Protein backbone atom coordinates (compact mmCIF):
# COMPACT_ATOMS: atom_id res chain seq x y z
CA MET A 1 -63.19 207.54 23.46
CA ARG A 2 -64.47 204.90 21.35
CA ILE A 3 -66.68 202.12 22.89
CA ALA A 4 -66.53 198.48 20.42
CA ILE A 5 -68.83 195.61 21.24
CA GLY A 6 -67.85 191.98 21.33
CA LEU A 7 -69.89 189.69 18.98
CA PRO A 8 -71.25 186.53 20.90
CA SER A 9 -69.25 183.93 18.94
CA ARG A 10 -68.32 182.01 21.78
CA ILE A 11 -71.78 181.44 22.57
CA VAL A 12 -72.41 177.60 21.88
CA GLY A 13 -74.82 177.23 19.31
CA ALA A 14 -74.76 180.89 18.14
CA SER A 15 -75.86 181.22 14.42
CA GLY A 16 -75.06 183.08 11.49
CA ASP A 17 -78.09 184.95 11.49
CA LEU A 18 -77.41 186.08 15.22
CA MET A 19 -73.89 187.04 14.09
CA LEU A 20 -75.55 189.24 11.15
CA GLU A 21 -78.16 190.73 13.34
CA TRP A 22 -75.43 191.85 15.57
CA ILE A 23 -73.00 193.09 13.23
CA THR A 24 -75.62 194.77 11.08
CA ARG A 25 -77.10 196.72 13.99
CA ALA A 26 -73.68 197.72 15.54
CA ASP A 27 -72.76 199.18 11.78
CA ARG A 28 -75.89 201.39 12.24
CA GLY A 29 -75.27 202.08 16.15
CA PRO A 30 -72.44 203.90 17.85
CA PHE A 31 -70.15 201.74 18.10
CA SER A 32 -66.50 201.53 17.11
CA SER A 33 -65.86 197.95 16.03
CA VAL A 34 -66.94 194.49 16.32
CA VAL A 35 -64.77 192.36 18.31
CA VAL A 36 -64.26 188.78 18.29
CA THR A 37 -61.81 186.29 20.60
CA ASP A 38 -60.12 183.04 19.73
CA ARG A 39 -59.98 179.42 21.04
CA VAL A 40 -58.97 176.21 19.41
CA VAL A 41 -60.44 173.68 22.05
CA SER A 42 -64.11 175.26 21.71
CA GLN A 43 -67.34 175.28 20.41
CA ALA A 44 -66.90 178.92 19.56
CA LEU A 45 -67.15 180.03 15.80
CA GLU A 46 -63.59 180.57 14.12
CA PRO A 47 -62.95 184.35 14.79
CA LEU A 48 -61.57 185.21 11.10
CA SER A 49 -64.56 183.71 9.32
CA VAL A 50 -66.86 185.79 11.52
CA LEU A 51 -65.09 188.89 10.51
CA ALA A 52 -64.99 187.92 7.00
CA MET A 53 -68.63 188.03 7.31
CA ALA A 54 -68.62 191.45 8.95
CA GLY A 55 -66.17 192.65 6.45
CA GLY A 56 -69.00 191.80 3.56
CA ALA A 57 -71.99 193.18 5.60
CA THR A 58 -70.87 196.30 6.66
CA ARG A 59 -69.58 199.78 5.54
CA ARG A 60 -68.61 201.73 8.67
CA ILE A 61 -67.40 199.73 11.51
CA ARG A 62 -64.03 198.44 12.29
CA LEU A 63 -63.28 194.87 12.84
CA MET A 64 -61.20 193.44 15.88
CA THR A 65 -59.63 190.37 17.40
CA SER A 66 -59.03 190.37 21.16
CA VAL A 67 -57.01 188.59 20.60
CA VAL A 68 -56.19 185.84 17.75
CA ILE A 69 -53.73 183.12 19.22
CA GLY A 70 -50.99 183.74 16.81
CA PRO A 71 -48.86 180.74 17.79
CA THR A 72 -51.49 177.89 16.99
CA ARG A 73 -51.83 178.84 13.38
CA GLU A 74 -49.74 178.63 10.41
CA THR A 75 -48.07 182.09 9.73
CA THR A 76 -48.94 182.59 6.14
CA LEU A 77 -52.16 181.53 6.33
CA LEU A 78 -52.85 183.77 9.09
CA ALA A 79 -51.08 186.59 7.02
CA ARG A 80 -53.41 185.91 4.19
CA GLN A 81 -56.54 185.66 6.06
CA ALA A 82 -55.83 189.12 7.71
CA ALA A 83 -54.99 190.55 4.70
CA THR A 84 -58.00 189.51 2.77
CA ILE A 85 -60.42 190.61 5.56
CA ASP A 86 -58.39 193.92 5.68
CA VAL A 87 -58.93 194.25 1.55
CA ILE A 88 -62.57 193.44 1.49
CA SER A 89 -63.41 195.67 4.15
CA ASN A 90 -61.59 198.56 3.04
CA GLY A 91 -58.65 198.78 5.52
CA ARG A 92 -60.78 198.31 8.88
CA LEU A 93 -59.05 195.46 10.20
CA THR A 94 -57.48 195.31 13.58
CA LEU A 95 -55.67 192.58 14.43
CA GLY A 96 -54.97 192.06 18.06
CA ILE A 97 -52.71 189.16 18.58
CA GLY A 98 -51.68 187.32 21.75
CA ILE A 99 -50.01 183.87 22.76
CA GLY A 100 -52.75 182.43 25.09
CA VAL A 101 -52.90 180.77 28.40
CA ARG A 102 -54.30 177.21 27.53
CA GLU A 103 -52.01 174.52 26.88
CA ASN A 104 -54.59 172.34 25.26
CA ASP A 105 -54.96 174.71 22.47
CA TYR A 106 -51.44 173.72 21.73
CA LEU A 107 -51.96 170.06 22.20
CA ALA A 108 -54.89 170.26 19.61
CA THR A 109 -52.41 172.07 17.07
CA GLY A 110 -49.54 170.03 17.43
CA LEU A 111 -47.09 172.96 18.59
CA ASP A 112 -45.31 173.51 21.75
CA PHE A 113 -46.79 175.44 24.34
CA HIS A 114 -43.78 176.05 25.90
CA ARG A 115 -42.51 177.73 23.02
CA ARG A 116 -45.09 179.99 22.02
CA GLY A 117 -43.25 183.40 22.90
CA ARG A 118 -40.72 182.51 20.73
CA ARG A 119 -42.79 181.68 18.01
CA VAL A 120 -44.74 184.80 17.80
CA GLU A 121 -41.70 186.54 17.78
CA GLU A 122 -40.57 184.76 14.73
CA GLN A 123 -44.45 185.37 13.27
CA LEU A 124 -44.76 189.07 14.00
CA PRO A 125 -41.91 190.19 11.22
CA LEU A 126 -43.02 187.57 8.78
CA LEU A 127 -46.54 188.98 9.04
CA ARG A 128 -45.56 192.41 8.32
CA ARG A 129 -42.98 191.29 5.53
CA LEU A 130 -45.65 189.59 3.68
CA TRP A 131 -48.18 192.48 4.51
CA ALA A 132 -45.88 195.08 2.92
CA GLY A 133 -45.75 192.98 -0.15
CA ALA A 134 -42.09 191.56 0.15
CA ALA A 135 -41.76 187.76 -1.16
CA LEU A 136 -41.55 185.18 1.56
CA SER A 137 -38.01 184.11 0.14
CA SER A 138 -35.87 184.44 -3.27
CA GLU A 139 -37.16 181.21 -4.13
CA ILE A 140 -41.04 181.50 -2.72
CA GLY A 141 -43.16 184.46 -4.57
CA LEU A 142 -45.51 187.12 -2.98
CA ILE A 143 -48.23 185.57 -0.56
CA GLY A 144 -51.44 187.23 0.06
CA PRO A 145 -52.99 190.78 -1.46
CA ARG A 146 -51.72 194.22 -0.43
CA SER A 147 -53.66 195.81 2.39
CA SER A 148 -54.65 199.67 2.40
CA ARG A 149 -51.81 200.52 4.71
CA PRO A 150 -48.18 199.97 3.43
CA SER A 151 -47.51 197.89 6.35
CA GLY A 152 -50.60 195.74 6.57
CA PRO A 153 -53.50 195.83 9.03
CA GLU A 154 -53.26 197.71 12.17
CA LEU A 155 -51.41 195.41 14.68
CA LEU A 156 -52.15 195.38 18.39
CA ILE A 157 -50.30 193.21 20.75
CA GLY A 158 -51.61 191.55 23.93
CA GLY A 159 -50.96 190.08 27.11
CA TYR A 160 -49.51 190.77 30.50
CA VAL A 161 -45.99 189.38 30.49
CA PRO A 162 -43.09 191.97 29.96
CA ALA A 163 -42.02 190.37 26.55
CA ILE A 164 -44.48 192.10 24.87
CA VAL A 165 -43.07 195.37 25.60
CA GLY A 166 -40.56 194.67 23.04
CA ARG A 167 -42.62 193.29 20.70
CA ILE A 168 -45.20 196.46 20.56
CA ALA A 169 -42.09 198.78 19.89
CA LYS A 170 -40.62 196.33 17.03
CA TRP A 171 -43.66 195.28 15.38
CA GLY A 172 -47.07 196.58 16.89
CA ASP A 173 -48.81 199.39 16.33
CA GLY A 174 -50.18 199.71 20.29
CA TYR A 175 -51.37 197.46 23.53
CA MET A 176 -54.26 195.27 23.09
CA ALA A 177 -54.80 195.39 26.84
CA PRO A 178 -56.74 192.10 28.13
CA GLY A 179 -59.79 192.41 30.43
CA GLY A 180 -59.57 191.92 34.47
CA GLY A 181 -56.13 193.57 34.39
CA GLU A 182 -55.20 195.22 37.59
CA PRO A 183 -55.24 198.87 37.18
CA GLU A 184 -51.67 199.82 39.12
CA SER A 185 -49.90 196.79 36.81
CA MET A 186 -51.30 197.79 33.81
CA LEU A 187 -50.50 201.39 34.14
CA LYS A 188 -46.80 200.47 34.89
CA MET A 189 -46.80 198.37 31.47
CA TRP A 190 -48.14 200.83 29.67
CA ARG A 191 -45.08 203.30 30.84
CA GLU A 192 -43.04 200.38 29.93
CA ILE A 193 -44.59 200.56 26.31
CA GLU A 194 -44.33 204.23 25.83
CA ARG A 195 -40.48 204.23 27.17
CA ALA A 196 -39.57 201.43 24.85
CA TRP A 197 -41.72 202.92 21.80
CA ARG A 198 -39.63 206.08 22.08
CA GLU A 199 -36.17 204.15 22.24
CA ALA A 200 -36.99 202.45 19.04
CA GLY A 201 -37.57 205.79 17.54
CA ARG A 202 -41.62 204.94 16.67
CA GLN A 203 -42.99 208.19 15.35
CA GLY A 204 -46.62 209.23 17.25
CA ASN A 205 -47.87 207.35 20.19
CA PRO A 206 -48.98 203.67 20.65
CA ARG A 207 -52.63 202.61 20.59
CA TRP A 208 -54.09 201.49 23.86
CA VAL A 209 -56.99 199.15 23.64
CA GLY A 210 -58.81 197.44 26.72
CA ALA A 211 -61.43 195.40 27.48
CA SER A 212 -63.80 194.78 30.11
CA TYR A 213 -66.79 192.61 30.66
CA PHE A 214 -70.40 193.59 31.54
CA ALA A 215 -73.55 192.03 31.72
CA LEU A 216 -77.12 193.79 31.48
CA GLY A 217 -80.69 192.23 32.34
CA PRO A 218 -82.49 190.95 35.48
CA ASN A 219 -80.51 187.77 35.56
CA ALA A 220 -77.19 189.63 34.77
CA VAL A 221 -75.16 188.07 37.62
CA ASP A 222 -76.04 184.27 36.59
CA HIS A 223 -75.55 184.67 33.11
CA ALA A 224 -71.86 186.61 33.55
CA THR A 225 -70.94 183.69 35.97
CA GLN A 226 -72.10 180.86 33.87
CA TYR A 227 -69.79 182.62 31.12
CA ILE A 228 -66.86 183.15 33.18
CA ASN A 229 -66.75 179.92 34.68
CA ALA A 230 -67.16 178.59 31.16
CA ASN A 231 -64.30 180.34 29.59
CA TYR A 232 -62.11 180.69 32.73
CA GLY A 233 -63.01 178.06 34.84
CA TYR A 234 -59.66 175.68 34.33
CA LYS A 235 -58.34 178.49 36.63
CA PRO A 236 -60.38 179.46 39.66
CA GLU A 237 -58.81 182.59 40.89
CA LEU A 238 -58.72 183.83 37.17
CA ALA A 239 -62.33 183.23 37.15
CA ALA A 240 -62.72 184.96 40.44
CA LYS A 241 -60.95 188.06 39.08
CA ARG A 242 -63.02 188.23 36.01
CA LEU A 243 -66.39 188.21 38.04
CA ARG A 244 -64.65 191.06 40.46
CA SER A 245 -63.88 193.18 37.42
CA LEU A 246 -67.43 192.73 35.76
CA ARG A 247 -69.21 193.78 39.09
CA SER A 248 -67.07 197.18 39.36
CA SER A 249 -66.19 198.17 35.79
CA PRO A 250 -66.10 201.58 35.23
CA LEU A 251 -66.55 200.85 31.47
CA SER A 252 -70.07 198.66 32.08
CA ALA A 253 -71.44 202.46 32.80
CA CYS A 254 -70.19 203.56 29.58
CA VAL A 255 -71.11 200.90 27.18
CA ALA A 256 -74.61 201.04 28.86
CA CYS A 257 -74.85 204.73 27.86
CA GLN A 258 -74.06 203.88 24.42
CA LEU A 259 -76.47 200.94 24.44
CA ARG A 260 -79.46 203.33 25.86
CA ARG A 261 -78.30 205.88 23.07
CA ALA A 262 -78.86 203.19 20.54
CA ARG A 263 -82.07 201.95 21.87
CA TRP A 264 -81.60 198.49 20.38
CA ARG A 265 -84.65 195.87 20.81
CA THR A 266 -84.30 192.23 20.48
CA ARG A 267 -86.87 189.30 20.81
CA SER A 268 -87.41 188.05 24.59
CA SER A 269 -86.16 184.83 23.62
CA ASP A 270 -82.51 186.31 22.67
CA LYS A 271 -82.35 187.98 25.90
CA PRO A 272 -80.05 185.61 27.42
CA ILE A 273 -77.40 185.89 24.91
CA TRP A 274 -77.82 189.77 24.40
CA ALA A 275 -77.72 190.06 28.24
CA TRP A 276 -73.88 188.95 28.08
CA MET A 277 -71.51 190.86 25.69
CA ASN A 278 -67.91 192.24 26.02
CA SER A 279 -66.62 195.67 25.76
CA TYR A 280 -63.24 197.33 24.57
CA CYS A 281 -62.76 200.90 24.78
CA VAL A 282 -59.88 203.05 23.51
CA ARG A 283 -58.84 205.59 26.15
CA ALA A 284 -56.11 207.23 28.40
CA PRO A 285 -54.38 204.60 30.44
CA LYS A 286 -53.79 207.21 33.15
CA THR A 287 -58.07 206.94 33.95
CA LEU A 288 -57.71 203.50 34.56
CA THR A 289 -56.46 204.49 38.19
CA LYS A 290 -58.99 207.35 38.48
CA TRP A 291 -62.33 205.91 37.15
CA ASN A 292 -64.84 203.95 39.89
CA GLY A 293 -68.09 203.50 38.51
CA SER A 294 -70.57 200.75 38.57
CA LEU A 295 -74.23 200.11 37.23
CA LYS A 296 -76.92 200.69 39.82
CA SER A 297 -79.68 199.82 37.52
CA ARG A 298 -79.77 197.22 34.89
CA ARG A 299 -82.57 196.75 32.29
CA ALA A 300 -83.24 193.65 29.87
CA TRP A 301 -84.16 194.25 26.24
CA CYS A 302 -87.77 192.94 24.78
CA LYS A 303 -89.72 193.36 21.79
CA ARG A 304 -91.58 196.36 23.10
CA THR A 305 -89.47 198.35 26.01
CA PRO A 306 -86.16 199.75 24.91
CA LEU A 307 -83.18 199.54 27.32
CA GLN A 308 -83.88 202.07 30.25
CA PRO A 309 -81.79 204.92 31.23
CA VAL A 310 -78.75 203.89 33.47
CA ASP A 311 -77.12 206.00 36.58
CA HIS A 312 -73.65 206.29 37.47
CA THR A 313 -71.80 206.20 40.78
């Protein structure tokens, strides 16, 4: 199992210095990837720009989007940006792509929210074509640098709708499972992905990347509630589901153990930001229905005291 850590790029007022501190510490620590999320209508930092910084500041850790909202972006620019990050990081980019669920992101970019599924299905083969070094057309030349992989950066496709099964089988390297999903429905989705993968004649196995929220510190629940409501408050039932998954997430215990081993420290003034993070885990999907754990002990970082050990149930 590999565990990644989400960068606080969607925290309002997050600075370049804060991003750089997280990125460089993660590169020295036990985590497999640093991860960014995407919104258009937001004061968040632009995710691919953050990963470009990470690519130049690190040598080991992988760089991941979970997810970039592909249909809100011009396709050739997205292809160039992703290929460039992949090249400057020596092949460390994992591009998670999805269609998003908020109509205002599409209103802001002048694109049709109700056509987003069809648009991403037009984008995916074009991304692969450009990354492979093919011309856009007979009249238009090559676009973007060649990545270290023949077919371009690792491409994960995220979402809950049945249409993603075929998209993964045709163009993806695996599934980016969003946070807060119901274990039974996620397992059913995975079985369908495996079936479609085999029927498409794909070699090997698709990759699974799952996401989970967690919070640490004496005011963890308050910070988590504020963050969840700020990002999902437009749909109260979805916000409630995210909070329920946070309180009982088995991944919280896993990530807390990794943090304890890293023995990171930070200033007391940073605790409100450091206390809230996302985690991303790669593991066998069947364990989704079998794991049942929770944090019994949460501790905050401070200048003098490292994170305390965490117990499991």
